[in-house]
N, C-alpha and C. Protein backbone atom coordinates (compact mmCIF):
# COMPACT_ATOMS: atom_id res chain seq x y z
N MET A 1 -9.58 12.11 -9.57
CA MET A 1 -9.23 10.78 -9.13
C MET A 1 -7.74 10.53 -9.38
N ALA A 2 -7.07 9.99 -8.38
CA ALA A 2 -5.69 9.58 -8.55
C ALA A 2 -5.64 8.43 -9.54
N LYS A 3 -4.70 8.48 -10.46
CA LYS A 3 -4.61 7.44 -11.49
C LYS A 3 -3.32 6.62 -11.41
N PHE A 4 -2.43 6.98 -10.52
CA PHE A 4 -1.15 6.31 -10.38
C PHE A 4 -1.00 5.81 -8.94
N ALA A 5 -0.36 4.65 -8.78
CA ALA A 5 -0.20 4.09 -7.44
C ALA A 5 1.08 3.28 -7.36
N LEU A 6 1.44 2.94 -6.13
CA LEU A 6 2.54 2.03 -5.84
C LEU A 6 2.05 1.01 -4.83
N TYR A 7 2.54 -0.21 -4.95
CA TYR A 7 2.27 -1.26 -3.97
C TYR A 7 3.59 -1.91 -3.61
N VAL A 8 3.88 -1.98 -2.31
CA VAL A 8 5.15 -2.54 -1.84
C VAL A 8 4.86 -3.59 -0.78
N PRO A 9 5.03 -4.89 -1.09
CA PRO A 9 4.86 -5.92 -0.07
C PRO A 9 6.06 -5.95 0.86
N LEU A 10 5.80 -6.18 2.14
CA LEU A 10 6.86 -6.16 3.15
C LEU A 10 6.74 -7.39 4.05
N LYS A 11 7.80 -8.15 4.17
CA LYS A 11 7.82 -9.30 5.08
C LYS A 11 8.90 -9.04 6.13
N PRO A 12 8.48 -8.79 7.37
CA PRO A 12 9.48 -8.50 8.40
C PRO A 12 10.34 -9.72 8.73
N LYS A 13 11.57 -9.46 9.10
CA LYS A 13 12.42 -10.52 9.62
C LYS A 13 11.87 -10.93 10.98
N ALA A 14 12.22 -12.13 11.42
CA ALA A 14 11.77 -12.63 12.71
C ALA A 14 12.10 -11.63 13.82
N GLY A 15 11.11 -11.33 14.64
CA GLY A 15 11.29 -10.42 15.76
C GLY A 15 11.26 -8.95 15.40
N LYS A 16 11.00 -8.61 14.14
CA LYS A 16 11.05 -7.21 13.69
C LYS A 16 9.67 -6.59 13.44
N ALA A 17 8.59 -7.31 13.70
CA ALA A 17 7.25 -6.79 13.40
C ALA A 17 6.98 -5.46 14.12
N GLY A 18 7.37 -5.35 15.36
CA GLY A 18 7.16 -4.10 16.10
C GLY A 18 7.94 -2.94 15.48
N ASP A 19 9.16 -3.22 15.06
CA ASP A 19 9.98 -2.20 14.40
C ASP A 19 9.35 -1.78 13.07
N VAL A 20 8.82 -2.77 12.34
CA VAL A 20 8.18 -2.47 11.06
C VAL A 20 6.96 -1.59 11.27
N GLU A 21 6.14 -1.90 12.27
CA GLU A 21 4.95 -1.08 12.54
C GLU A 21 5.34 0.34 12.91
N ALA A 22 6.35 0.51 13.73
CA ALA A 22 6.81 1.86 14.10
C ALA A 22 7.35 2.59 12.87
N PHE A 23 8.09 1.89 12.03
CA PHE A 23 8.64 2.46 10.80
C PHE A 23 7.52 2.94 9.89
N LEU A 24 6.48 2.11 9.75
CA LEU A 24 5.36 2.48 8.87
C LEU A 24 4.57 3.67 9.43
N LYS A 25 4.40 3.73 10.71
CA LYS A 25 3.70 4.89 11.31
C LYS A 25 4.50 6.17 11.10
N GLN A 26 5.82 6.07 11.18
CA GLN A 26 6.67 7.22 10.89
C GLN A 26 6.55 7.60 9.41
N GLY A 27 6.47 6.60 8.54
CA GLY A 27 6.30 6.86 7.11
C GLY A 27 5.03 7.63 6.82
N ALA A 28 3.96 7.32 7.53
CA ALA A 28 2.70 8.04 7.34
C ALA A 28 2.87 9.52 7.66
N GLN A 29 3.61 9.81 8.71
CA GLN A 29 3.86 11.21 9.07
C GLN A 29 4.71 11.91 8.01
N MET A 30 5.67 11.19 7.48
CA MET A 30 6.52 11.75 6.43
C MET A 30 5.72 12.01 5.16
N ALA A 31 4.77 11.13 4.85
CA ALA A 31 3.96 11.28 3.64
C ALA A 31 3.11 12.54 3.67
N LEU A 32 2.75 13.01 4.86
CA LEU A 32 1.96 14.23 4.98
C LEU A 32 2.68 15.43 4.36
N LYS A 33 3.99 15.38 4.30
CA LYS A 33 4.79 16.49 3.77
C LYS A 33 4.98 16.42 2.26
N GLU A 34 4.54 15.32 1.64
CA GLU A 34 4.73 15.14 0.20
C GLU A 34 3.53 15.69 -0.56
N LYS A 35 3.72 16.78 -1.26
CA LYS A 35 2.63 17.43 -1.98
C LYS A 35 2.03 16.54 -3.06
N GLY A 36 2.83 15.71 -3.71
CA GLY A 36 2.34 14.90 -4.80
C GLY A 36 1.71 13.57 -4.40
N THR A 37 1.77 13.24 -3.11
CA THR A 37 1.18 11.99 -2.62
C THR A 37 -0.25 12.26 -2.19
N VAL A 38 -1.21 11.66 -2.89
CA VAL A 38 -2.64 11.86 -2.59
C VAL A 38 -3.02 11.07 -1.35
N SER A 39 -2.68 9.78 -1.32
CA SER A 39 -2.98 8.93 -0.16
C SER A 39 -1.82 7.97 0.07
N TRP A 40 -1.65 7.58 1.31
CA TRP A 40 -0.56 6.68 1.70
C TRP A 40 -1.10 5.75 2.78
N TYR A 41 -1.08 4.47 2.50
CA TYR A 41 -1.62 3.48 3.44
C TYR A 41 -0.55 2.48 3.83
N ALA A 42 -0.42 2.22 5.12
CA ALA A 42 0.39 1.13 5.63
C ALA A 42 -0.60 0.04 6.06
N LEU A 43 -0.42 -1.16 5.52
CA LEU A 43 -1.37 -2.25 5.73
C LEU A 43 -0.74 -3.39 6.51
N LYS A 44 -1.50 -3.97 7.44
CA LYS A 44 -1.10 -5.17 8.15
C LYS A 44 -1.95 -6.31 7.62
N GLU A 45 -1.31 -7.29 7.01
CA GLU A 45 -2.02 -8.39 6.39
C GLU A 45 -2.15 -9.57 7.36
N GLU A 46 -3.06 -10.48 7.06
CA GLU A 46 -3.36 -11.60 7.97
C GLU A 46 -2.19 -12.53 8.21
N ASP A 47 -1.31 -12.67 7.27
CA ASP A 47 -0.24 -13.66 7.35
C ASP A 47 1.04 -13.14 7.99
N GLY A 48 0.95 -12.05 8.74
CA GLY A 48 2.13 -11.49 9.39
C GLY A 48 2.96 -10.61 8.49
N LYS A 49 2.47 -10.38 7.30
CA LYS A 49 3.16 -9.49 6.37
C LYS A 49 2.52 -8.11 6.42
N TYR A 50 3.20 -7.17 5.83
CA TYR A 50 2.74 -5.79 5.75
C TYR A 50 2.87 -5.34 4.30
N SER A 51 2.31 -4.19 4.01
CA SER A 51 2.48 -3.60 2.69
C SER A 51 2.20 -2.11 2.77
N VAL A 52 2.60 -1.43 1.72
CA VAL A 52 2.31 -0.01 1.57
C VAL A 52 1.62 0.17 0.23
N PHE A 53 0.55 0.97 0.24
CA PHE A 53 -0.17 1.32 -0.99
C PHE A 53 -0.34 2.82 -0.97
N ASP A 54 0.11 3.49 -2.01
CA ASP A 54 -0.03 4.94 -2.07
C ASP A 54 -0.46 5.37 -3.46
N THR A 55 -1.11 6.54 -3.52
CA THR A 55 -1.67 7.01 -4.78
C THR A 55 -1.18 8.42 -5.12
N PHE A 56 -1.24 8.72 -6.44
CA PHE A 56 -0.72 9.98 -6.96
C PHE A 56 -1.58 10.43 -8.13
N ASP A 57 -1.68 11.72 -8.33
CA ASP A 57 -2.44 12.25 -9.47
C ASP A 57 -1.69 12.10 -10.78
N ASP A 58 -0.36 12.09 -10.71
CA ASP A 58 0.42 12.05 -11.94
C ASP A 58 1.75 11.33 -11.72
N GLU A 59 2.41 11.07 -12.82
CA GLU A 59 3.70 10.37 -12.76
C GLU A 59 4.75 11.19 -12.02
N ALA A 60 4.67 12.50 -12.13
CA ALA A 60 5.64 13.37 -11.44
C ALA A 60 5.55 13.19 -9.93
N GLY A 61 4.33 13.10 -9.40
CA GLY A 61 4.15 12.88 -7.96
C GLY A 61 4.69 11.53 -7.53
N ARG A 62 4.42 10.52 -8.36
CA ARG A 62 4.91 9.17 -8.03
C ARG A 62 6.44 9.14 -8.07
N ASP A 63 7.02 9.77 -9.09
CA ASP A 63 8.48 9.81 -9.19
C ASP A 63 9.11 10.57 -8.02
N ALA A 64 8.48 11.67 -7.62
CA ALA A 64 8.99 12.44 -6.48
C ALA A 64 8.97 11.58 -5.22
N HIS A 65 7.92 10.81 -5.04
CA HIS A 65 7.82 9.92 -3.88
C HIS A 65 8.92 8.85 -3.93
N LEU A 66 9.12 8.26 -5.09
CA LEU A 66 10.14 7.21 -5.24
C LEU A 66 11.56 7.73 -5.02
N ASN A 67 11.74 9.03 -5.14
CA ASN A 67 13.05 9.64 -4.91
C ASN A 67 13.10 10.43 -3.61
N GLY A 68 12.06 10.29 -2.79
CA GLY A 68 11.94 11.07 -1.57
C GLY A 68 12.46 10.38 -0.32
N ASP A 69 12.19 11.00 0.81
CA ASP A 69 12.72 10.55 2.09
C ASP A 69 12.18 9.18 2.53
N ILE A 70 10.92 8.88 2.24
CA ILE A 70 10.37 7.60 2.65
C ILE A 70 11.07 6.47 1.91
N ALA A 71 11.23 6.61 0.61
CA ALA A 71 11.91 5.58 -0.18
C ALA A 71 13.36 5.42 0.27
N LYS A 72 14.02 6.51 0.56
CA LYS A 72 15.40 6.44 1.03
C LYS A 72 15.48 5.71 2.37
N ALA A 73 14.55 5.98 3.27
CA ALA A 73 14.53 5.31 4.56
C ALA A 73 14.24 3.82 4.40
N LEU A 74 13.33 3.48 3.50
CA LEU A 74 13.01 2.07 3.26
C LEU A 74 14.25 1.33 2.76
N MET A 75 14.93 1.90 1.80
CA MET A 75 16.12 1.24 1.25
C MET A 75 17.24 1.14 2.29
N ALA A 76 17.39 2.17 3.11
CA ALA A 76 18.44 2.17 4.12
C ALA A 76 18.19 1.11 5.20
N ASN A 77 16.93 0.81 5.48
CA ASN A 77 16.58 -0.14 6.54
C ASN A 77 16.20 -1.52 6.04
N TRP A 78 16.19 -1.70 4.72
CA TRP A 78 15.67 -2.95 4.16
C TRP A 78 16.36 -4.19 4.72
N SER A 79 17.66 -4.27 4.63
CA SER A 79 18.37 -5.50 5.01
C SER A 79 18.27 -5.79 6.50
N GLU A 80 18.07 -4.79 7.32
CA GLU A 80 17.94 -4.97 8.76
C GLU A 80 16.54 -5.45 9.16
N MET A 81 15.51 -4.98 8.49
CA MET A 81 14.14 -5.21 8.94
C MET A 81 13.33 -6.19 8.11
N PHE A 82 13.68 -6.37 6.83
CA PHE A 82 12.81 -7.12 5.93
C PHE A 82 13.52 -8.30 5.28
N GLU A 83 12.73 -9.32 4.95
CA GLU A 83 13.22 -10.49 4.24
C GLU A 83 13.03 -10.31 2.73
N GLY A 84 13.86 -10.99 1.97
CA GLY A 84 13.71 -10.99 0.52
C GLY A 84 14.19 -9.70 -0.11
N GLU A 85 13.86 -9.57 -1.38
CA GLU A 85 14.25 -8.39 -2.14
C GLU A 85 13.12 -7.36 -2.14
N LEU A 86 13.50 -6.11 -2.21
CA LEU A 86 12.53 -5.02 -2.31
C LEU A 86 11.87 -5.07 -3.69
N HIS A 87 10.55 -5.08 -3.71
CA HIS A 87 9.81 -5.07 -4.98
C HIS A 87 8.74 -3.98 -4.90
N ILE A 88 8.83 -3.02 -5.79
CA ILE A 88 7.87 -1.92 -5.84
C ILE A 88 7.08 -2.04 -7.15
N SER A 89 5.79 -2.25 -7.03
CA SER A 89 4.92 -2.37 -8.22
C SER A 89 4.30 -1.02 -8.53
N LYS A 90 4.50 -0.58 -9.77
CA LYS A 90 3.82 0.62 -10.25
C LYS A 90 2.46 0.18 -10.81
N ILE A 91 1.41 0.81 -10.31
CA ILE A 91 0.05 0.40 -10.63
C ILE A 91 -0.71 1.58 -11.24
N GLY A 92 -1.57 1.28 -12.20
CA GLY A 92 -2.49 2.27 -12.74
C GLY A 92 -3.87 2.02 -12.14
N ILE A 93 -4.53 3.06 -11.69
CA ILE A 93 -5.87 2.95 -11.09
C ILE A 93 -6.90 3.17 -12.19
N LEU A 94 -7.78 2.21 -12.36
CA LEU A 94 -8.79 2.26 -13.41
C LEU A 94 -10.11 2.87 -12.93
N ALA A 95 -10.47 2.62 -11.66
CA ALA A 95 -11.74 3.11 -11.13
C ALA A 95 -11.65 3.21 -9.62
N GLU A 96 -12.51 3.98 -9.04
CA GLU A 96 -12.60 4.09 -7.58
C GLU A 96 -14.01 4.42 -7.17
N LYS A 97 -14.31 4.22 -5.94
CA LYS A 97 -15.63 4.58 -5.39
C LYS A 97 -15.44 5.73 -4.45
């Protein structure tokens, strides 16, 4: 069971929802190449916001992801596509089904 996770809330700027969805779909393809990433989810929430939730077996995998291409792309595009400040929550997974 993966015991480490990240959660990143995303609020697109006005008129950028389509760009955000395309960006997230590209991120899913990039995540396939990350050996330490167990799962990677791009979520569309009811209120027009988005988020990313991903899981890792260990801290090394999570750290590799945070220093990888997806994180770099997110930071490079943040001010153009998203409102507010970037907030990445490190989460511990207690149980799963």
